[in-house]
N, C-alpha and C. Protein backbone atom coordinates (compact mmCIF):
# COMPACT_ATOMS: atom_id res chain seq x y z
N MET A 1 -3.34 7.21 11.41
CA MET A 1 -4.14 8.17 12.17
C MET A 1 -5.56 8.18 11.63
N THR A 2 -6.50 8.19 12.50
CA THR A 2 -7.90 8.22 12.11
C THR A 2 -8.39 9.66 11.98
N ALA A 3 -9.40 9.88 11.17
CA ALA A 3 -9.96 11.22 10.98
C ALA A 3 -11.09 11.48 11.97
N CYS A 4 -11.27 10.57 12.91
CA CYS A 4 -12.35 10.73 13.90
C CYS A 4 -11.80 10.32 15.26
N LEU A 5 -12.14 11.08 16.29
CA LEU A 5 -11.60 10.82 17.63
C LEU A 5 -12.70 10.91 18.66
N ARG A 6 -12.84 9.87 19.46
CA ARG A 6 -13.80 9.90 20.57
C ARG A 6 -13.20 10.78 21.67
N PHE A 7 -13.98 11.69 22.20
CA PHE A 7 -13.50 12.68 23.16
C PHE A 7 -13.74 12.19 24.58
N GLU A 8 -12.83 11.33 25.06
CA GLU A 8 -12.95 10.79 26.42
C GLU A 8 -11.55 10.47 26.95
N THR A 9 -11.43 10.41 28.26
CA THR A 9 -10.12 10.20 28.87
C THR A 9 -9.68 8.75 28.78
N GLY A 10 -10.61 7.81 28.78
CA GLY A 10 -10.25 6.39 28.67
C GLY A 10 -9.26 5.98 29.73
N GLU A 11 -8.28 5.23 29.32
CA GLU A 11 -7.27 4.70 30.23
C GLU A 11 -6.03 5.58 30.32
N SER A 12 -6.00 6.69 29.57
CA SER A 12 -4.78 7.51 29.54
C SER A 12 -4.58 8.25 30.86
N ALA A 13 -3.34 8.36 31.26
CA ALA A 13 -2.99 9.07 32.49
C ALA A 13 -2.99 10.57 32.22
N PRO A 14 -3.54 11.37 33.14
CA PRO A 14 -3.54 12.82 32.94
C PRO A 14 -2.19 13.44 33.28
N GLU A 15 -1.96 14.62 32.74
CA GLU A 15 -0.84 15.45 33.19
C GLU A 15 -1.30 16.11 34.49
N ILE A 16 -0.43 16.14 35.48
CA ILE A 16 -0.75 16.74 36.77
C ILE A 16 -0.08 18.11 36.83
N GLY A 17 -0.81 19.12 37.30
CA GLY A 17 -0.24 20.45 37.36
C GLY A 17 -0.95 21.32 38.37
N ALA A 18 -0.63 22.58 38.34
CA ALA A 18 -1.21 23.57 39.24
C ALA A 18 -0.94 24.95 38.65
N PRO A 19 -1.68 25.95 39.10
CA PRO A 19 -1.34 27.30 38.64
C PRO A 19 0.03 27.71 39.18
N PRO A 20 0.72 28.62 38.50
CA PRO A 20 2.00 29.09 39.05
C PRO A 20 1.81 29.60 40.47
N ALA A 21 2.74 29.28 41.34
CA ALA A 21 2.62 29.62 42.76
C ALA A 21 2.37 31.11 42.99
N ASP A 22 2.95 31.96 42.17
CA ASP A 22 2.78 33.41 42.38
C ASP A 22 1.40 33.91 41.94
N ARG A 23 0.58 33.04 41.33
CA ARG A 23 -0.77 33.43 40.94
C ARG A 23 -1.85 32.89 41.87
N VAL A 24 -1.47 31.96 42.78
CA VAL A 24 -2.45 31.37 43.69
C VAL A 24 -2.87 32.40 44.73
N ILE A 25 -4.19 32.57 44.87
CA ILE A 25 -4.74 33.52 45.83
C ILE A 25 -5.19 32.81 47.10
N GLU A 26 -5.82 31.64 46.93
CA GLU A 26 -6.19 30.85 48.12
C GLU A 26 -6.28 29.38 47.77
N GLY A 27 -6.08 28.55 48.79
CA GLY A 27 -6.13 27.11 48.61
C GLY A 27 -4.87 26.57 47.95
N ALA A 28 -4.97 25.32 47.52
CA ALA A 28 -3.87 24.65 46.83
C ALA A 28 -4.45 23.89 45.64
N PRO A 29 -4.99 24.62 44.66
CA PRO A 29 -5.64 23.95 43.53
C PRO A 29 -4.67 23.07 42.75
N GLN A 30 -5.18 21.93 42.31
CA GLN A 30 -4.42 20.98 41.50
C GLN A 30 -5.18 20.74 40.20
N PHE A 31 -4.43 20.56 39.11
CA PHE A 31 -5.03 20.33 37.80
C PHE A 31 -4.74 18.91 37.34
N ARG A 32 -5.69 18.35 36.61
CA ARG A 32 -5.48 17.12 35.84
C ARG A 32 -5.90 17.47 34.42
N THR A 33 -5.02 17.22 33.45
CA THR A 33 -5.29 17.58 32.07
C THR A 33 -5.04 16.38 31.16
N TRP A 34 -6.03 16.09 30.34
CA TRP A 34 -5.90 15.07 29.31
C TRP A 34 -5.88 15.80 27.97
N ASN A 35 -4.70 15.97 27.37
CA ASN A 35 -4.59 16.58 26.05
C ASN A 35 -4.89 15.48 25.04
N LEU A 36 -6.06 15.54 24.42
CA LEU A 36 -6.54 14.45 23.59
C LEU A 36 -6.18 14.59 22.11
N ASP A 37 -5.96 15.81 21.64
CA ASP A 37 -5.64 15.99 20.23
C ASP A 37 -4.98 17.34 20.02
N GLU A 38 -4.25 17.44 18.92
CA GLU A 38 -3.68 18.73 18.52
C GLU A 38 -3.67 18.79 17.00
N ALA A 39 -3.67 20.01 16.48
CA ALA A 39 -3.67 20.23 15.04
C ALA A 39 -2.68 21.33 14.71
N GLU A 40 -2.34 21.42 13.44
CA GLU A 40 -1.43 22.48 13.00
C GLU A 40 -1.98 23.84 13.39
N GLY A 41 -1.08 24.76 13.63
CA GLY A 41 -1.49 26.12 13.98
C GLY A 41 -1.65 26.32 15.48
N GLY A 42 -1.13 25.38 16.29
CA GLY A 42 -1.20 25.55 17.75
C GLY A 42 -2.58 25.35 18.32
N ILE A 43 -3.33 24.36 17.78
CA ILE A 43 -4.68 24.08 18.27
C ILE A 43 -4.63 22.79 19.09
N TYR A 44 -5.19 22.85 20.30
CA TYR A 44 -5.20 21.73 21.22
C TYR A 44 -6.60 21.52 21.75
N ALA A 45 -6.95 20.26 22.02
CA ALA A 45 -8.26 19.93 22.57
C ALA A 45 -8.10 18.86 23.64
N GLY A 46 -8.91 18.95 24.68
CA GLY A 46 -8.81 17.96 25.74
C GLY A 46 -9.80 18.20 26.85
N ILE A 47 -9.51 17.58 27.97
CA ILE A 47 -10.34 17.69 29.17
C ILE A 47 -9.43 18.13 30.31
N TRP A 48 -9.93 19.08 31.10
CA TRP A 48 -9.18 19.67 32.22
C TRP A 48 -10.05 19.60 33.46
N GLU A 49 -9.41 19.35 34.59
CA GLU A 49 -10.12 19.30 35.87
C GLU A 49 -9.29 20.02 36.92
N ALA A 50 -9.96 20.75 37.80
CA ALA A 50 -9.26 21.48 38.87
C ALA A 50 -9.99 21.28 40.20
N THR A 51 -9.19 21.18 41.27
CA THR A 51 -9.72 21.07 42.62
C THR A 51 -9.89 22.48 43.21
N PRO A 52 -10.63 22.61 44.32
CA PRO A 52 -10.91 23.94 44.88
C PRO A 52 -9.67 24.78 45.16
N GLY A 53 -9.86 26.07 44.92
CA GLY A 53 -8.83 27.08 45.12
C GLY A 53 -9.13 28.27 44.23
N LYS A 54 -8.30 29.28 44.32
CA LYS A 54 -8.50 30.51 43.54
C LYS A 54 -7.15 31.02 43.06
N TRP A 55 -7.10 31.45 41.79
CA TRP A 55 -5.85 31.94 41.21
C TRP A 55 -6.12 33.01 40.16
N ARG A 56 -5.05 33.76 39.84
CA ARG A 56 -5.10 34.81 38.80
C ARG A 56 -5.05 34.17 37.43
N LEU A 57 -5.84 34.72 36.52
CA LEU A 57 -5.84 34.31 35.12
C LEU A 57 -5.20 35.41 34.28
N ILE A 58 -4.35 35.03 33.37
CA ILE A 58 -3.78 35.95 32.38
C ILE A 58 -3.76 35.17 31.07
N TYR A 59 -4.73 35.44 30.20
CA TYR A 59 -4.87 34.67 28.96
C TYR A 59 -4.11 35.32 27.82
N GLU A 60 -3.23 34.54 27.20
CA GLU A 60 -2.52 34.97 26.00
C GLU A 60 -3.01 34.18 24.79
N GLU A 61 -3.83 33.16 25.04
CA GLU A 61 -4.36 32.32 23.99
C GLU A 61 -5.88 32.51 23.87
N TRP A 62 -6.45 31.90 22.83
CA TRP A 62 -7.91 31.87 22.65
C TRP A 62 -8.38 30.50 23.12
N GLU A 63 -9.47 30.45 23.91
CA GLU A 63 -9.98 29.17 24.39
C GLU A 63 -11.50 29.17 24.42
N TYR A 64 -12.06 28.09 23.87
CA TYR A 64 -13.48 27.78 24.04
C TYR A 64 -13.54 26.63 25.03
N PHE A 65 -14.50 26.67 25.98
CA PHE A 65 -14.67 25.53 26.87
C PHE A 65 -16.13 25.33 27.23
N HIS A 66 -16.41 24.12 27.68
CA HIS A 66 -17.74 23.68 28.08
C HIS A 66 -17.59 23.00 29.44
N ILE A 67 -18.29 23.49 30.44
CA ILE A 67 -18.21 22.92 31.79
C ILE A 67 -18.98 21.60 31.81
N LEU A 68 -18.30 20.54 32.24
CA LEU A 68 -18.92 19.21 32.32
C LEU A 68 -19.47 18.92 33.71
N SER A 69 -18.79 19.41 34.75
CA SER A 69 -19.24 19.17 36.12
C SER A 69 -18.58 20.17 37.06
N GLY A 70 -19.15 20.31 38.25
CA GLY A 70 -18.58 21.18 39.27
C GLY A 70 -19.15 22.58 39.25
N TYR A 71 -18.51 23.46 40.02
CA TYR A 71 -18.94 24.85 40.14
C TYR A 71 -17.72 25.73 40.32
N SER A 72 -17.60 26.72 39.45
CA SER A 72 -16.51 27.69 39.51
C SER A 72 -17.05 29.09 39.31
N ILE A 73 -16.29 30.07 39.76
CA ILE A 73 -16.62 31.48 39.56
C ILE A 73 -15.43 32.15 38.89
N VAL A 74 -15.65 32.70 37.70
CA VAL A 74 -14.63 33.47 37.00
C VAL A 74 -15.00 34.93 37.12
N THR A 75 -14.05 35.75 37.55
CA THR A 75 -14.27 37.19 37.71
C THR A 75 -13.25 37.93 36.88
N GLY A 76 -13.72 38.72 35.92
CA GLY A 76 -12.83 39.51 35.10
C GLY A 76 -12.35 40.74 35.86
N ASP A 77 -11.18 41.24 35.51
CA ASP A 77 -10.69 42.46 36.15
C ASP A 77 -11.61 43.65 35.88
N ASN A 78 -12.47 43.53 34.86
CA ASN A 78 -13.43 44.60 34.56
C ASN A 78 -14.68 44.51 35.43
N GLY A 79 -14.76 43.49 36.33
CA GLY A 79 -15.89 43.35 37.23
C GLY A 79 -16.93 42.34 36.80
N ASP A 80 -16.85 41.83 35.57
CA ASP A 80 -17.79 40.79 35.12
C ASP A 80 -17.59 39.54 35.96
N VAL A 81 -18.71 38.92 36.39
CA VAL A 81 -18.66 37.70 37.19
C VAL A 81 -19.46 36.63 36.46
N PHE A 82 -18.85 35.44 36.31
CA PHE A 82 -19.48 34.32 35.64
C PHE A 82 -19.51 33.13 36.58
N HIS A 83 -20.73 32.69 36.93
CA HIS A 83 -20.91 31.49 37.75
C HIS A 83 -21.05 30.33 36.78
N LEU A 84 -20.09 29.39 36.82
CA LEU A 84 -20.01 28.32 35.84
C LEU A 84 -20.40 26.99 36.44
N ARG A 85 -21.40 26.37 35.81
CA ARG A 85 -21.87 25.05 36.22
C ARG A 85 -21.99 24.17 34.96
N ALA A 86 -22.25 22.88 35.18
CA ALA A 86 -22.38 21.95 34.06
C ALA A 86 -23.31 22.52 33.00
N GLY A 87 -22.85 22.46 31.75
CA GLY A 87 -23.62 22.96 30.62
C GLY A 87 -23.23 24.34 30.16
N ASP A 88 -22.53 25.11 31.01
CA ASP A 88 -22.12 26.46 30.62
C ASP A 88 -20.94 26.40 29.65
N ARG A 89 -20.93 27.37 28.72
CA ARG A 89 -19.86 27.47 27.72
C ARG A 89 -19.35 28.90 27.69
N MET A 90 -18.07 29.05 27.42
CA MET A 90 -17.46 30.38 27.34
C MET A 90 -16.33 30.38 26.34
N VAL A 91 -15.93 31.58 25.94
CA VAL A 91 -14.72 31.81 25.17
C VAL A 91 -13.89 32.85 25.92
N PHE A 92 -12.63 32.53 26.16
CA PHE A 92 -11.67 33.51 26.66
C PHE A 92 -10.83 33.93 25.46
N LYS A 93 -10.67 35.22 25.30
CA LYS A 93 -9.85 35.75 24.22
C LYS A 93 -8.53 36.25 24.78
N PRO A 94 -7.50 36.31 23.93
CA PRO A 94 -6.22 36.84 24.41
C PRO A 94 -6.42 38.22 25.05
N GLY A 95 -5.79 38.40 26.19
CA GLY A 95 -5.91 39.67 26.92
C GLY A 95 -6.86 39.60 28.09
N PHE A 96 -7.65 38.50 28.21
CA PHE A 96 -8.55 38.38 29.36
C PHE A 96 -7.72 38.20 30.62
N THR A 97 -8.04 38.96 31.65
CA THR A 97 -7.39 38.82 32.96
C THR A 97 -8.45 38.83 34.04
N GLY A 98 -8.18 38.14 35.13
CA GLY A 98 -9.12 38.07 36.23
C GLY A 98 -8.73 36.96 37.18
N THR A 99 -9.75 36.31 37.76
CA THR A 99 -9.51 35.20 38.67
C THR A 99 -10.43 34.03 38.32
N TRP A 100 -9.97 32.84 38.64
CA TRP A 100 -10.78 31.62 38.54
C TRP A 100 -10.83 31.03 39.93
N GLU A 101 -12.03 30.86 40.46
CA GLU A 101 -12.22 30.23 41.77
C GLU A 101 -13.00 28.95 41.59
N VAL A 102 -12.40 27.83 41.93
CA VAL A 102 -13.08 26.54 41.91
C VAL A 102 -13.72 26.35 43.28
N VAL A 103 -15.04 26.33 43.32
CA VAL A 103 -15.78 26.12 44.56
C VAL A 103 -15.97 24.62 44.78
N GLU A 104 -16.38 23.91 43.72
CA GLU A 104 -16.49 22.45 43.71
C GLU A 104 -15.64 21.95 42.55
N THR A 105 -14.88 20.88 42.75
CA THR A 105 -14.02 20.37 41.69
C THR A 105 -14.72 20.49 40.35
N THR A 106 -14.05 21.12 39.40
CA THR A 106 -14.65 21.46 38.10
C THR A 106 -13.91 20.74 36.99
N ARG A 107 -14.71 20.21 36.04
CA ARG A 107 -14.16 19.55 34.84
C ARG A 107 -14.75 20.23 33.62
N LYS A 108 -13.89 20.47 32.62
CA LYS A 108 -14.34 21.08 31.38
C LYS A 108 -13.65 20.40 30.21
N ASP A 109 -14.29 20.46 29.04
CA ASP A 109 -13.56 20.14 27.83
C ASP A 109 -13.22 21.45 27.16
N TYR A 110 -12.17 21.44 26.36
CA TYR A 110 -11.66 22.71 25.83
C TYR A 110 -11.06 22.55 24.44
N VAL A 111 -11.03 23.65 23.74
CA VAL A 111 -10.25 23.80 22.50
C VAL A 111 -9.48 25.10 22.65
N VAL A 112 -8.15 25.03 22.51
CA VAL A 112 -7.28 26.19 22.70
C VAL A 112 -6.53 26.43 21.39
N ARG A 113 -6.43 27.71 21.03
CA ARG A 113 -5.56 28.10 19.92
C ARG A 113 -4.51 29.05 20.47
N LEU A 114 -3.24 28.66 20.37
CA LEU A 114 -2.15 29.49 20.88
C LEU A 114 -1.90 30.67 19.96
């Protein structure tokens, strides 16, 4: 194992997924996820992409992410609205709830701690 990892999808096939059906509000969003690395303590890093649609968010984990492309709108149940475009960065903490709406297919890199 190397102590250095290039953060790119390369030739690896993504995991295909979607939000749970009972959380989908509109559309039929699909996910592609490249889990590129993991570390002790439930830490994961990778690249995630979603197609247009809107769904409920219920965060039980901590996540930092950086938007690489696309346009999404995250709305917290407290009324906060975040328009996310390439270059934007955020942290979701456990307990965050709201909605994620992908307006244009969105790609982000992420680090998650369970």
